[in-house]
Each structure stands twice: as structure tokens, then as C-alpha cells.
Amino acid sequence: MSMGILEGKKILVTGVLTDDSIAFGMAKHAQEQGAEIALTGFGRGLRLTQRIAKKLPSIPEVYELDITNKEHQEALQN
């Protein structure tokens, strides 16, 4: 099995709300190329992102992210 071009990389993906979105396609492709991904969502979008994350090859962590909320920003850094 060959290594993917993103092997060992960590990628944060925003905007995964449906499995037809560009963000979903990018997240799926990144996983297929070996990247570890994390998704973000906020408000109602967070629940949608959590649901759609289950359709990826490997279920990633999903973080709540309101960029104006310092606690959300700090949670991503850990």
C-alpha cells in the first residue's frame, strides 16, 4: 500500500453540512490521502456536521467553533 500525499498531516475543515458539499468532498479526499482531519460547526450547523461526519471513511472529531468565542478557539489549540 502506498502512502498518500497527506500522510501525517492534520487538516481542519469547515463547512461540512451535507455530503454533497465541496467541504465534504475535500475532507473525504484528505482522509483517503492519509490526513487526519477535524471538522467544525456552530449552532444548528454543528448538529448537521456531526451527522454528516459519520459518512466519512473514518469518523473525525467535530468541534464547535464560533470564531468570536475565545473558549472555542482555545479548544482547537489543545
N, C-alpha and C. Protein backbone atom coordinates (compact mmCIF):
# COMPACT_ATOMS: atom_id res chain seq x y z
N MET A 1 0.84 -1.19 0.00
CA MET A 1 0.00 0.00 0.00
C MET A 1 0.88 1.24 0.00
N SER A 2 0.62 2.19 -0.89
CA SER A 2 1.43 3.39 -0.97
C SER A 2 0.90 4.47 -0.02
N MET A 3 1.81 5.33 0.39
CA MET A 3 1.43 6.43 1.27
C MET A 3 0.71 7.50 0.45
N GLY A 4 -0.30 8.13 1.09
CA GLY A 4 -0.97 9.25 0.45
C GLY A 4 -0.13 10.50 0.59
N ILE A 5 -0.40 11.46 -0.25
CA ILE A 5 0.39 12.70 -0.22
C ILE A 5 0.15 13.52 1.04
N LEU A 6 -0.91 13.22 1.79
CA LEU A 6 -1.20 13.96 3.02
C LEU A 6 -0.91 13.14 4.28
N GLU A 7 -0.22 12.03 4.13
CA GLU A 7 0.12 11.16 5.26
C GLU A 7 0.81 11.96 6.35
N GLY A 8 0.30 11.86 7.58
CA GLY A 8 0.89 12.54 8.72
C GLY A 8 0.46 13.99 8.90
N LYS A 9 -0.37 14.51 8.01
CA LYS A 9 -0.84 15.89 8.11
C LYS A 9 -2.14 15.95 8.89
N LYS A 10 -2.38 17.07 9.56
CA LYS A 10 -3.63 17.33 10.27
C LYS A 10 -4.31 18.51 9.59
N ILE A 11 -5.60 18.32 9.25
CA ILE A 11 -6.33 19.34 8.49
C ILE A 11 -7.64 19.67 9.18
N LEU A 12 -7.91 20.96 9.33
CA LEU A 12 -9.17 21.43 9.90
C LEU A 12 -10.09 21.83 8.74
N VAL A 13 -11.29 21.26 8.72
CA VAL A 13 -12.23 21.51 7.62
C VAL A 13 -13.49 22.16 8.19
N THR A 14 -13.89 23.26 7.59
CA THR A 14 -15.14 23.92 7.96
C THR A 14 -16.13 23.80 6.82
N GLY A 15 -17.41 23.93 7.13
CA GLY A 15 -18.42 23.97 6.08
C GLY A 15 -18.98 22.63 5.64
N VAL A 16 -18.73 21.57 6.41
CA VAL A 16 -19.28 20.25 6.06
C VAL A 16 -20.70 20.17 6.61
N LEU A 17 -21.68 20.51 5.78
CA LEU A 17 -23.08 20.48 6.20
C LEU A 17 -23.89 19.42 5.48
N THR A 18 -23.42 19.03 4.30
CA THR A 18 -24.08 17.95 3.54
C THR A 18 -22.99 17.10 2.90
N ASP A 19 -23.36 15.89 2.50
CA ASP A 19 -22.37 15.06 1.83
C ASP A 19 -22.21 15.42 0.35
N ASP A 20 -22.93 16.44 -0.10
CA ASP A 20 -22.77 16.96 -1.46
C ASP A 20 -21.90 18.22 -1.49
N SER A 21 -21.46 18.68 -0.32
CA SER A 21 -20.69 19.93 -0.27
C SER A 21 -19.25 19.72 -0.72
N ILE A 22 -18.65 20.78 -1.19
CA ILE A 22 -17.24 20.75 -1.56
C ILE A 22 -16.40 20.41 -0.34
N ALA A 23 -16.78 20.95 0.82
CA ALA A 23 -16.03 20.69 2.06
C ALA A 23 -16.04 19.19 2.40
N PHE A 24 -17.17 18.53 2.22
CA PHE A 24 -17.25 17.09 2.49
C PHE A 24 -16.32 16.34 1.53
N GLY A 25 -16.39 16.68 0.26
CA GLY A 25 -15.53 16.03 -0.72
C GLY A 25 -14.06 16.22 -0.41
N MET A 26 -13.70 17.41 0.02
CA MET A 26 -12.31 17.69 0.38
C MET A 26 -11.90 16.88 1.61
N ALA A 27 -12.79 16.82 2.63
CA ALA A 27 -12.49 16.06 3.85
C ALA A 27 -12.31 14.57 3.52
N LYS A 28 -13.18 14.04 2.71
CA LYS A 28 -13.10 12.63 2.32
C LYS A 28 -11.80 12.34 1.57
N HIS A 29 -11.48 13.20 0.61
CA HIS A 29 -10.26 13.01 -0.17
C HIS A 29 -9.02 13.14 0.71
N ALA A 30 -9.04 14.09 1.63
CA ALA A 30 -7.90 14.26 2.54
C ALA A 30 -7.69 12.99 3.37
N GLN A 31 -8.78 12.41 3.88
CA GLN A 31 -8.65 11.16 4.63
C GLN A 31 -8.10 10.05 3.75
N GLU A 32 -8.59 9.96 2.55
CA GLU A 32 -8.13 8.92 1.63
C GLU A 32 -6.65 9.07 1.30
N GLN A 33 -6.14 10.29 1.40
CA GLN A 33 -4.72 10.56 1.14
C GLN A 33 -3.88 10.51 2.41
N GLY A 34 -4.49 10.06 3.52
CA GLY A 34 -3.73 9.83 4.74
C GLY A 34 -3.78 10.90 5.80
N ALA A 35 -4.51 11.98 5.57
CA ALA A 35 -4.58 13.06 6.55
C ALA A 35 -5.51 12.70 7.71
N GLU A 36 -5.19 13.25 8.86
CA GLU A 36 -6.09 13.22 10.00
C GLU A 36 -6.88 14.52 9.93
N ILE A 37 -8.20 14.43 9.95
CA ILE A 37 -8.99 15.66 9.82
C ILE A 37 -9.82 15.88 11.07
N ALA A 38 -10.20 17.15 11.24
CA ALA A 38 -11.15 17.55 12.26
C ALA A 38 -12.12 18.50 11.58
N LEU A 39 -13.36 18.45 11.99
CA LEU A 39 -14.40 19.31 11.40
C LEU A 39 -14.88 20.31 12.44
N THR A 40 -15.44 21.42 11.96
CA THR A 40 -16.03 22.40 12.86
C THR A 40 -17.45 22.72 12.42
N GLY A 41 -18.23 23.14 13.39
CA GLY A 41 -19.59 23.58 13.13
C GLY A 41 -20.02 24.52 14.23
N PHE A 42 -21.16 25.17 14.05
CA PHE A 42 -21.64 26.11 15.06
C PHE A 42 -23.16 26.17 15.01
N GLY A 43 -23.77 26.24 16.17
CA GLY A 43 -25.23 26.34 16.24
C GLY A 43 -25.88 25.12 15.61
N ARG A 44 -26.92 25.35 14.82
CA ARG A 44 -27.61 24.26 14.12
C ARG A 44 -26.67 23.50 13.20
N GLY A 45 -25.73 24.21 12.63
CA GLY A 45 -24.75 23.60 11.74
C GLY A 45 -23.88 22.56 12.43
N LEU A 46 -23.67 22.71 13.72
CA LEU A 46 -22.86 21.74 14.46
C LEU A 46 -23.52 20.37 14.43
N ARG A 47 -24.81 20.31 14.66
CA ARG A 47 -25.53 19.03 14.63
C ARG A 47 -25.49 18.41 13.23
N LEU A 48 -25.65 19.23 12.22
CA LEU A 48 -25.57 18.73 10.84
C LEU A 48 -24.18 18.16 10.55
N THR A 49 -23.16 18.88 10.97
CA THR A 49 -21.79 18.43 10.75
C THR A 49 -21.53 17.11 11.47
N GLN A 50 -22.00 16.98 12.70
CA GLN A 50 -21.82 15.74 13.45
C GLN A 50 -22.48 14.57 12.74
N ARG A 51 -23.64 14.80 12.19
CA ARG A 51 -24.37 13.74 11.48
C ARG A 51 -23.65 13.35 10.19
N ILE A 52 -23.23 14.32 9.41
CA ILE A 52 -22.57 14.05 8.13
C ILE A 52 -21.18 13.45 8.34
N ALA A 53 -20.52 13.78 9.45
CA ALA A 53 -19.18 13.23 9.73
C ALA A 53 -19.19 11.71 9.74
N LYS A 54 -20.31 11.12 10.10
CA LYS A 54 -20.43 9.67 10.16
C LYS A 54 -20.37 9.01 8.78
N LYS A 55 -20.50 9.81 7.73
CA LYS A 55 -20.45 9.28 6.36
C LYS A 55 -19.04 9.26 5.78
N LEU A 56 -18.09 9.82 6.52
CA LEU A 56 -16.70 9.82 6.06
C LEU A 56 -16.07 8.45 6.31
N PRO A 57 -14.99 8.12 5.60
CA PRO A 57 -14.35 6.82 5.78
C PRO A 57 -13.96 6.54 7.24
N SER A 58 -13.53 7.56 7.95
CA SER A 58 -13.18 7.45 9.37
C SER A 58 -13.83 8.65 10.07
N ILE A 59 -14.59 8.39 11.12
CA ILE A 59 -15.34 9.48 11.78
C ILE A 59 -14.36 10.40 12.51
N PRO A 60 -14.31 11.67 12.10
CA PRO A 60 -13.37 12.62 12.72
C PRO A 60 -13.98 13.29 13.96
N GLU A 61 -13.13 13.96 14.71
CA GLU A 61 -13.59 14.82 15.79
C GLU A 61 -14.34 15.99 15.16
N VAL A 62 -15.41 16.43 15.83
CA VAL A 62 -16.16 17.60 15.38
C VAL A 62 -16.17 18.59 16.54
N TYR A 63 -15.67 19.79 16.29
CA TYR A 63 -15.56 20.82 17.31
C TYR A 63 -16.55 21.94 17.05
N GLU A 64 -17.08 22.49 18.12
CA GLU A 64 -17.90 23.69 17.98
C GLU A 64 -16.95 24.87 17.80
N LEU A 65 -17.20 25.69 16.81
CA LEU A 65 -16.32 26.84 16.56
C LEU A 65 -17.12 28.06 16.13
N ASP A 66 -17.24 28.97 17.07
CA ASP A 66 -17.68 30.34 16.79
C ASP A 66 -16.40 31.14 16.92
N ILE A 67 -15.87 31.63 15.85
CA ILE A 67 -14.55 32.25 15.84
C ILE A 67 -14.48 33.44 16.79
N THR A 68 -15.61 34.02 17.17
CA THR A 68 -15.60 35.14 18.11
C THR A 68 -15.57 34.67 19.57
N ASN A 69 -15.65 33.36 19.80
CA ASN A 69 -15.65 32.80 21.15
C ASN A 69 -14.24 32.27 21.47
N LYS A 70 -13.57 32.94 22.41
CA LYS A 70 -12.20 32.58 22.76
C LYS A 70 -12.08 31.15 23.28
N GLU A 71 -13.09 30.65 24.00
CA GLU A 71 -13.06 29.27 24.51
C GLU A 71 -13.06 28.26 23.37
N HIS A 72 -13.83 28.54 22.31
CA HIS A 72 -13.85 27.65 21.16
C HIS A 72 -12.49 27.63 20.48
N GLN A 73 -11.86 28.80 20.35
CA GLN A 73 -10.55 28.89 19.73
C GLN A 73 -9.52 28.11 20.54
N GLU A 74 -9.57 28.25 21.85
CA GLU A 74 -8.61 27.57 22.72
C GLU A 74 -8.79 26.05 22.66
N ALA A 75 -10.03 25.58 22.54
CA ALA A 75 -10.29 24.14 22.47
C ALA A 75 -9.63 23.52 21.23
N LEU A 76 -9.56 24.28 20.15
CA LEU A 76 -8.92 23.78 18.93
C LEU A 76 -7.40 23.69 19.06
N GLN A 77 -6.84 24.50 19.91
CA GLN A 77 -5.38 24.52 20.06
C GLN A 77 -4.89 23.35 20.90
N ASN A 78 -5.76 22.73 21.65
CA ASN A 78 -5.35 21.62 22.53
C ASN A 78 -5.43 20.29 21.86
